[in-house]
Amino acid sequence: MASTNVNLTIDGPRATITFTADNGVSILSDTVVQDLRGKIAEIAQNRDIRWTVFRAEGKVFVAGANIKAMAEYNPEQARAYGALGQDTFNVIATLP
């Protein structure tokens, strides 16, 4: 399975987060969501950033959660993964 990378570039008041994967299909694994969370924290701390663009290179923007990995999760792992995703997108929604 191809891995997804999350890249952050800052150009003046604009931050751009770009998802990339060698096969063109970005997937949100727990590692990718944690990486995204770190990038969002960087953006939140930078008072010079006025807006953020989310984009992806490849066939689709982001295909969604890593269903193959989720199939092997026990209930506790599944809840933790869901909470991580929900918390991350709540942080995005409340960026200043």
N, C-alpha and C. Protein backbone atom coordinates (compact mmCIF):
# COMPACT_ATOMS: atom_id res chain seq x y z
N MET A 1 0.85 -1.18 0.00
CA MET A 1 0.00 0.00 0.00
C MET A 1 0.89 1.24 0.00
N ALA A 2 0.54 2.20 -0.81
CA ALA A 2 1.29 3.45 -0.87
C ALA A 2 1.05 4.25 0.39
N SER A 3 2.08 4.97 0.79
CA SER A 3 1.91 5.80 1.97
C SER A 3 1.56 7.22 1.54
N THR A 4 0.84 7.91 2.41
CA THR A 4 0.42 9.28 2.16
C THR A 4 1.33 10.21 2.95
N ASN A 5 1.74 11.29 2.30
CA ASN A 5 2.53 12.32 2.95
C ASN A 5 1.70 13.58 3.09
N VAL A 6 1.95 14.31 4.17
CA VAL A 6 1.27 15.58 4.41
C VAL A 6 2.36 16.65 4.43
N ASN A 7 2.28 17.57 3.48
CA ASN A 7 3.29 18.62 3.38
C ASN A 7 2.66 19.97 3.69
N LEU A 8 3.41 20.80 4.40
CA LEU A 8 2.97 22.14 4.75
C LEU A 8 3.93 23.14 4.15
N THR A 9 3.40 24.11 3.41
CA THR A 9 4.19 25.23 2.95
C THR A 9 3.51 26.51 3.41
N ILE A 10 4.32 27.48 3.75
CA ILE A 10 3.79 28.77 4.19
C ILE A 10 4.38 29.83 3.28
N ASP A 11 3.50 30.63 2.69
CA ASP A 11 3.91 31.71 1.80
C ASP A 11 3.18 32.96 2.25
N GLY A 12 3.87 33.76 3.06
CA GLY A 12 3.23 34.96 3.60
C GLY A 12 2.05 34.58 4.46
N PRO A 13 0.87 35.12 4.14
CA PRO A 13 -0.31 34.84 4.97
C PRO A 13 -1.03 33.53 4.62
N ARG A 14 -0.50 32.80 3.61
CA ARG A 14 -1.18 31.58 3.15
C ARG A 14 -0.40 30.33 3.56
N ALA A 15 -1.11 29.39 4.18
CA ALA A 15 -0.57 28.06 4.45
C ALA A 15 -1.22 27.10 3.46
N THR A 16 -0.43 26.18 2.95
CA THR A 16 -0.98 25.16 2.05
C THR A 16 -0.59 23.79 2.57
N ILE A 17 -1.59 22.97 2.79
CA ILE A 17 -1.37 21.58 3.17
C ILE A 17 -1.67 20.74 1.94
N THR A 18 -0.68 19.93 1.54
CA THR A 18 -0.82 19.10 0.35
C THR A 18 -0.64 17.63 0.72
N PHE A 19 -1.62 16.83 0.36
CA PHE A 19 -1.56 15.38 0.55
C PHE A 19 -1.00 14.76 -0.74
N THR A 20 -0.03 13.87 -0.60
CA THR A 20 0.53 13.17 -1.76
C THR A 20 0.69 11.69 -1.45
N ALA A 21 0.55 10.89 -2.47
CA ALA A 21 0.78 9.44 -2.37
C ALA A 21 1.31 8.97 -3.70
N ASP A 22 2.25 8.01 -3.68
CA ASP A 22 2.86 7.57 -4.95
C ASP A 22 1.84 6.97 -5.91
N ASN A 23 0.77 6.41 -5.41
CA ASN A 23 -0.24 5.84 -6.31
C ASN A 23 -1.37 6.83 -6.62
N GLY A 24 -1.26 8.07 -6.13
CA GLY A 24 -2.25 9.09 -6.42
C GLY A 24 -3.51 9.05 -5.58
N VAL A 25 -3.56 8.15 -4.59
CA VAL A 25 -4.74 8.04 -3.74
C VAL A 25 -4.30 8.20 -2.28
N SER A 26 -4.55 9.37 -1.72
CA SER A 26 -4.18 9.64 -0.33
C SER A 26 -5.19 9.00 0.61
N ILE A 27 -4.68 8.32 1.63
CA ILE A 27 -5.50 7.62 2.62
C ILE A 27 -5.17 8.16 4.00
N LEU A 28 -6.18 8.33 4.84
CA LEU A 28 -5.99 8.86 6.19
C LEU A 28 -5.75 7.73 7.19
N SER A 29 -4.53 7.28 7.27
CA SER A 29 -4.15 6.32 8.31
C SER A 29 -3.99 7.09 9.62
N ASP A 30 -3.83 6.38 10.73
CA ASP A 30 -3.63 7.08 11.99
C ASP A 30 -2.36 7.92 11.97
N THR A 31 -1.32 7.44 11.31
CA THR A 31 -0.07 8.20 11.20
C THR A 31 -0.27 9.48 10.39
N VAL A 32 -1.02 9.39 9.32
CA VAL A 32 -1.30 10.56 8.48
C VAL A 32 -2.12 11.58 9.26
N VAL A 33 -3.12 11.12 9.99
CA VAL A 33 -3.95 12.04 10.78
C VAL A 33 -3.10 12.71 11.87
N GLN A 34 -2.21 11.97 12.50
CA GLN A 34 -1.32 12.57 13.50
C GLN A 34 -0.40 13.60 12.87
N ASP A 35 0.12 13.30 11.68
CA ASP A 35 0.97 14.25 10.96
C ASP A 35 0.17 15.50 10.60
N LEU A 36 -1.05 15.31 10.12
CA LEU A 36 -1.92 16.44 9.81
C LEU A 36 -2.16 17.29 11.05
N ARG A 37 -2.39 16.62 12.16
CA ARG A 37 -2.63 17.34 13.42
C ARG A 37 -1.43 18.22 13.78
N GLY A 38 -0.22 17.69 13.59
CA GLY A 38 0.98 18.47 13.85
C GLY A 38 1.09 19.69 12.94
N LYS A 39 0.76 19.51 11.68
CA LYS A 39 0.80 20.63 10.74
C LYS A 39 -0.23 21.69 11.12
N ILE A 40 -1.39 21.26 11.54
CA ILE A 40 -2.44 22.20 11.96
C ILE A 40 -1.98 22.97 13.20
N ALA A 41 -1.29 22.31 14.11
CA ALA A 41 -0.76 22.99 15.30
C ALA A 41 0.23 24.08 14.89
N GLU A 42 1.08 23.78 13.90
CA GLU A 42 2.02 24.80 13.41
C GLU A 42 1.27 26.00 12.86
N ILE A 43 0.21 25.74 12.10
CA ILE A 43 -0.58 26.83 11.53
C ILE A 43 -1.23 27.64 12.64
N ALA A 44 -1.79 26.99 13.62
CA ALA A 44 -2.49 27.68 14.71
C ALA A 44 -1.57 28.59 15.50
N GLN A 45 -0.30 28.22 15.58
CA GLN A 45 0.66 29.02 16.35
C GLN A 45 1.22 30.20 15.57
N ASN A 46 1.03 30.22 14.26
CA ASN A 46 1.60 31.27 13.43
C ASN A 46 0.53 32.34 13.18
N ARG A 47 0.64 33.45 13.87
CA ARG A 47 -0.36 34.52 13.79
C ARG A 47 -0.33 35.27 12.45
N ASP A 48 0.71 35.03 11.64
CA ASP A 48 0.79 35.69 10.34
C ASP A 48 -0.05 34.99 9.28
N ILE A 49 -0.45 33.76 9.53
CA ILE A 49 -1.26 33.00 8.56
C ILE A 49 -2.71 33.47 8.64
N ARG A 50 -3.25 33.83 7.48
CA ARG A 50 -4.62 34.32 7.40
C ARG A 50 -5.58 33.30 6.82
N TRP A 51 -5.06 32.38 5.99
CA TRP A 51 -5.92 31.34 5.43
C TRP A 51 -5.09 30.11 5.11
N THR A 52 -5.81 28.99 5.01
CA THR A 52 -5.17 27.71 4.74
C THR A 52 -5.87 27.04 3.57
N VAL A 53 -5.07 26.53 2.65
CA VAL A 53 -5.56 25.80 1.49
C VAL A 53 -5.24 24.32 1.70
N PHE A 54 -6.22 23.47 1.49
CA PHE A 54 -6.01 22.02 1.54
C PHE A 54 -6.11 21.51 0.11
N ARG A 55 -5.09 20.75 -0.31
CA ARG A 55 -5.10 20.23 -1.66
C ARG A 55 -4.43 18.86 -1.67
N ALA A 56 -4.58 18.18 -2.79
CA ALA A 56 -3.92 16.88 -2.95
C ALA A 56 -3.42 16.75 -4.37
N GLU A 57 -2.36 16.01 -4.51
CA GLU A 57 -1.86 15.66 -5.83
C GLU A 57 -2.25 14.22 -6.09
N GLY A 58 -2.79 13.95 -7.27
CA GLY A 58 -3.17 12.59 -7.59
C GLY A 58 -4.57 12.49 -8.14
N LYS A 59 -5.12 11.28 -8.06
CA LYS A 59 -6.41 10.96 -8.67
C LYS A 59 -7.59 11.56 -7.92
N VAL A 60 -7.50 11.61 -6.58
CA VAL A 60 -8.60 12.10 -5.75
C VAL A 60 -8.03 13.01 -4.68
N PHE A 61 -8.90 13.82 -4.08
CA PHE A 61 -8.43 14.70 -2.99
C PHE A 61 -7.90 13.84 -1.85
N VAL A 62 -8.75 13.17 -1.14
CA VAL A 62 -8.38 12.20 -0.11
C VAL A 62 -9.47 11.13 -0.14
N ALA A 63 -9.05 9.87 -0.25
CA ALA A 63 -10.02 8.79 -0.40
C ALA A 63 -10.78 8.50 0.89
N GLY A 64 -10.21 8.85 2.04
CA GLY A 64 -10.88 8.61 3.31
C GLY A 64 -10.00 7.84 4.27
N ALA A 65 -10.65 7.19 5.21
CA ALA A 65 -9.95 6.44 6.26
C ALA A 65 -9.29 5.19 5.68
N ASN A 66 -8.31 4.70 6.39
CA ASN A 66 -7.60 3.49 5.99
C ASN A 66 -8.42 2.27 6.43
N ILE A 67 -9.34 1.85 5.58
CA ILE A 67 -10.27 0.77 5.90
C ILE A 67 -9.54 -0.56 6.13
N LYS A 68 -8.48 -0.82 5.37
CA LYS A 68 -7.74 -2.07 5.55
C LYS A 68 -7.15 -2.16 6.95
N ALA A 69 -6.57 -1.07 7.43
CA ALA A 69 -6.01 -1.06 8.78
C ALA A 69 -7.12 -1.15 9.83
N MET A 70 -8.22 -0.45 9.57
CA MET A 70 -9.32 -0.44 10.54
C MET A 70 -9.92 -1.83 10.73
N ALA A 71 -9.88 -2.67 9.71
CA ALA A 71 -10.45 -4.02 9.80
C ALA A 71 -9.73 -4.85 10.86
N GLU A 72 -8.50 -4.48 11.18
CA GLU A 72 -7.73 -5.23 12.18
C GLU A 72 -7.79 -4.61 13.57
N TYR A 73 -8.46 -3.46 13.72
CA TYR A 73 -8.53 -2.79 15.02
C TYR A 73 -9.48 -3.53 15.96
N ASN A 74 -9.12 -3.55 17.23
CA ASN A 74 -10.07 -4.00 18.24
C ASN A 74 -10.96 -2.78 18.57
N PRO A 75 -12.02 -2.96 19.35
CA PRO A 75 -12.92 -1.84 19.62
C PRO A 75 -12.22 -0.62 20.23
N GLU A 76 -11.28 -0.83 21.11
CA GLU A 76 -10.57 0.30 21.74
C GLU A 76 -9.75 1.07 20.70
N GLN A 77 -9.06 0.34 19.83
CA GLN A 77 -8.26 0.99 18.79
C GLN A 77 -9.16 1.75 17.81
N ALA A 78 -10.29 1.18 17.50
CA ALA A 78 -11.23 1.82 16.58
C ALA A 78 -11.76 3.12 17.18
N ARG A 79 -12.11 3.10 18.46
CA ARG A 79 -12.58 4.32 19.13
C ARG A 79 -11.48 5.38 19.15
N ALA A 80 -10.25 4.97 19.44
CA ALA A 80 -9.13 5.92 19.49
C ALA A 80 -8.89 6.55 18.12
N TYR A 81 -8.96 5.74 17.06
CA TYR A 81 -8.76 6.24 15.70
C TYR A 81 -9.87 7.22 15.33
N GLY A 82 -11.10 6.88 15.65
CA GLY A 82 -12.22 7.77 15.37
C GLY A 82 -12.11 9.07 16.14
N ALA A 83 -11.71 8.99 17.41
CA ALA A 83 -11.55 10.20 18.23
C ALA A 83 -10.43 11.08 17.69
N LEU A 84 -9.32 10.46 17.26
CA LEU A 84 -8.22 11.22 16.70
C LEU A 84 -8.67 11.99 15.46
N GLY A 85 -9.38 11.31 14.58
CA GLY A 85 -9.88 11.97 13.38
C GLY A 85 -10.85 13.09 13.70
N GLN A 86 -11.80 12.82 14.59
CA GLN A 86 -12.80 13.84 14.94
C GLN A 86 -12.14 15.03 15.61
N ASP A 87 -11.22 14.78 16.54
CA ASP A 87 -10.52 15.87 17.21
C ASP A 87 -9.71 16.71 16.23
N THR A 88 -9.04 16.04 15.30
CA THR A 88 -8.23 16.76 14.31
C THR A 88 -9.09 17.67 13.45
N PHE A 89 -10.22 17.16 12.98
CA PHE A 89 -11.07 17.99 12.14
C PHE A 89 -11.80 19.07 12.94
N ASN A 90 -12.02 18.85 14.22
CA ASN A 90 -12.56 19.92 15.07
C ASN A 90 -11.53 21.04 15.23
N VAL A 91 -10.25 20.68 15.37
CA VAL A 91 -9.20 21.69 15.47
C VAL A 91 -9.13 22.51 14.17
N ILE A 92 -9.24 21.82 13.03
CA ILE A 92 -9.25 22.52 11.75
C ILE A 92 -10.43 23.50 11.68
N ALA A 93 -11.59 23.05 12.12
CA ALA A 93 -12.79 23.88 12.05
C ALA A 93 -12.70 25.11 12.94
N THR A 94 -11.88 25.05 13.97
CA THR A 94 -11.79 26.18 14.90
C THR A 94 -10.51 26.99 14.75
N LEU A 95 -9.77 26.76 13.65
CA LEU A 95 -8.59 27.60 13.43
C LEU A 95 -9.00 29.07 13.42
N PRO A 96 -8.17 29.92 14.01
CA PRO A 96 -8.53 31.36 13.99
C PRO A 96 -8.54 31.92 12.57
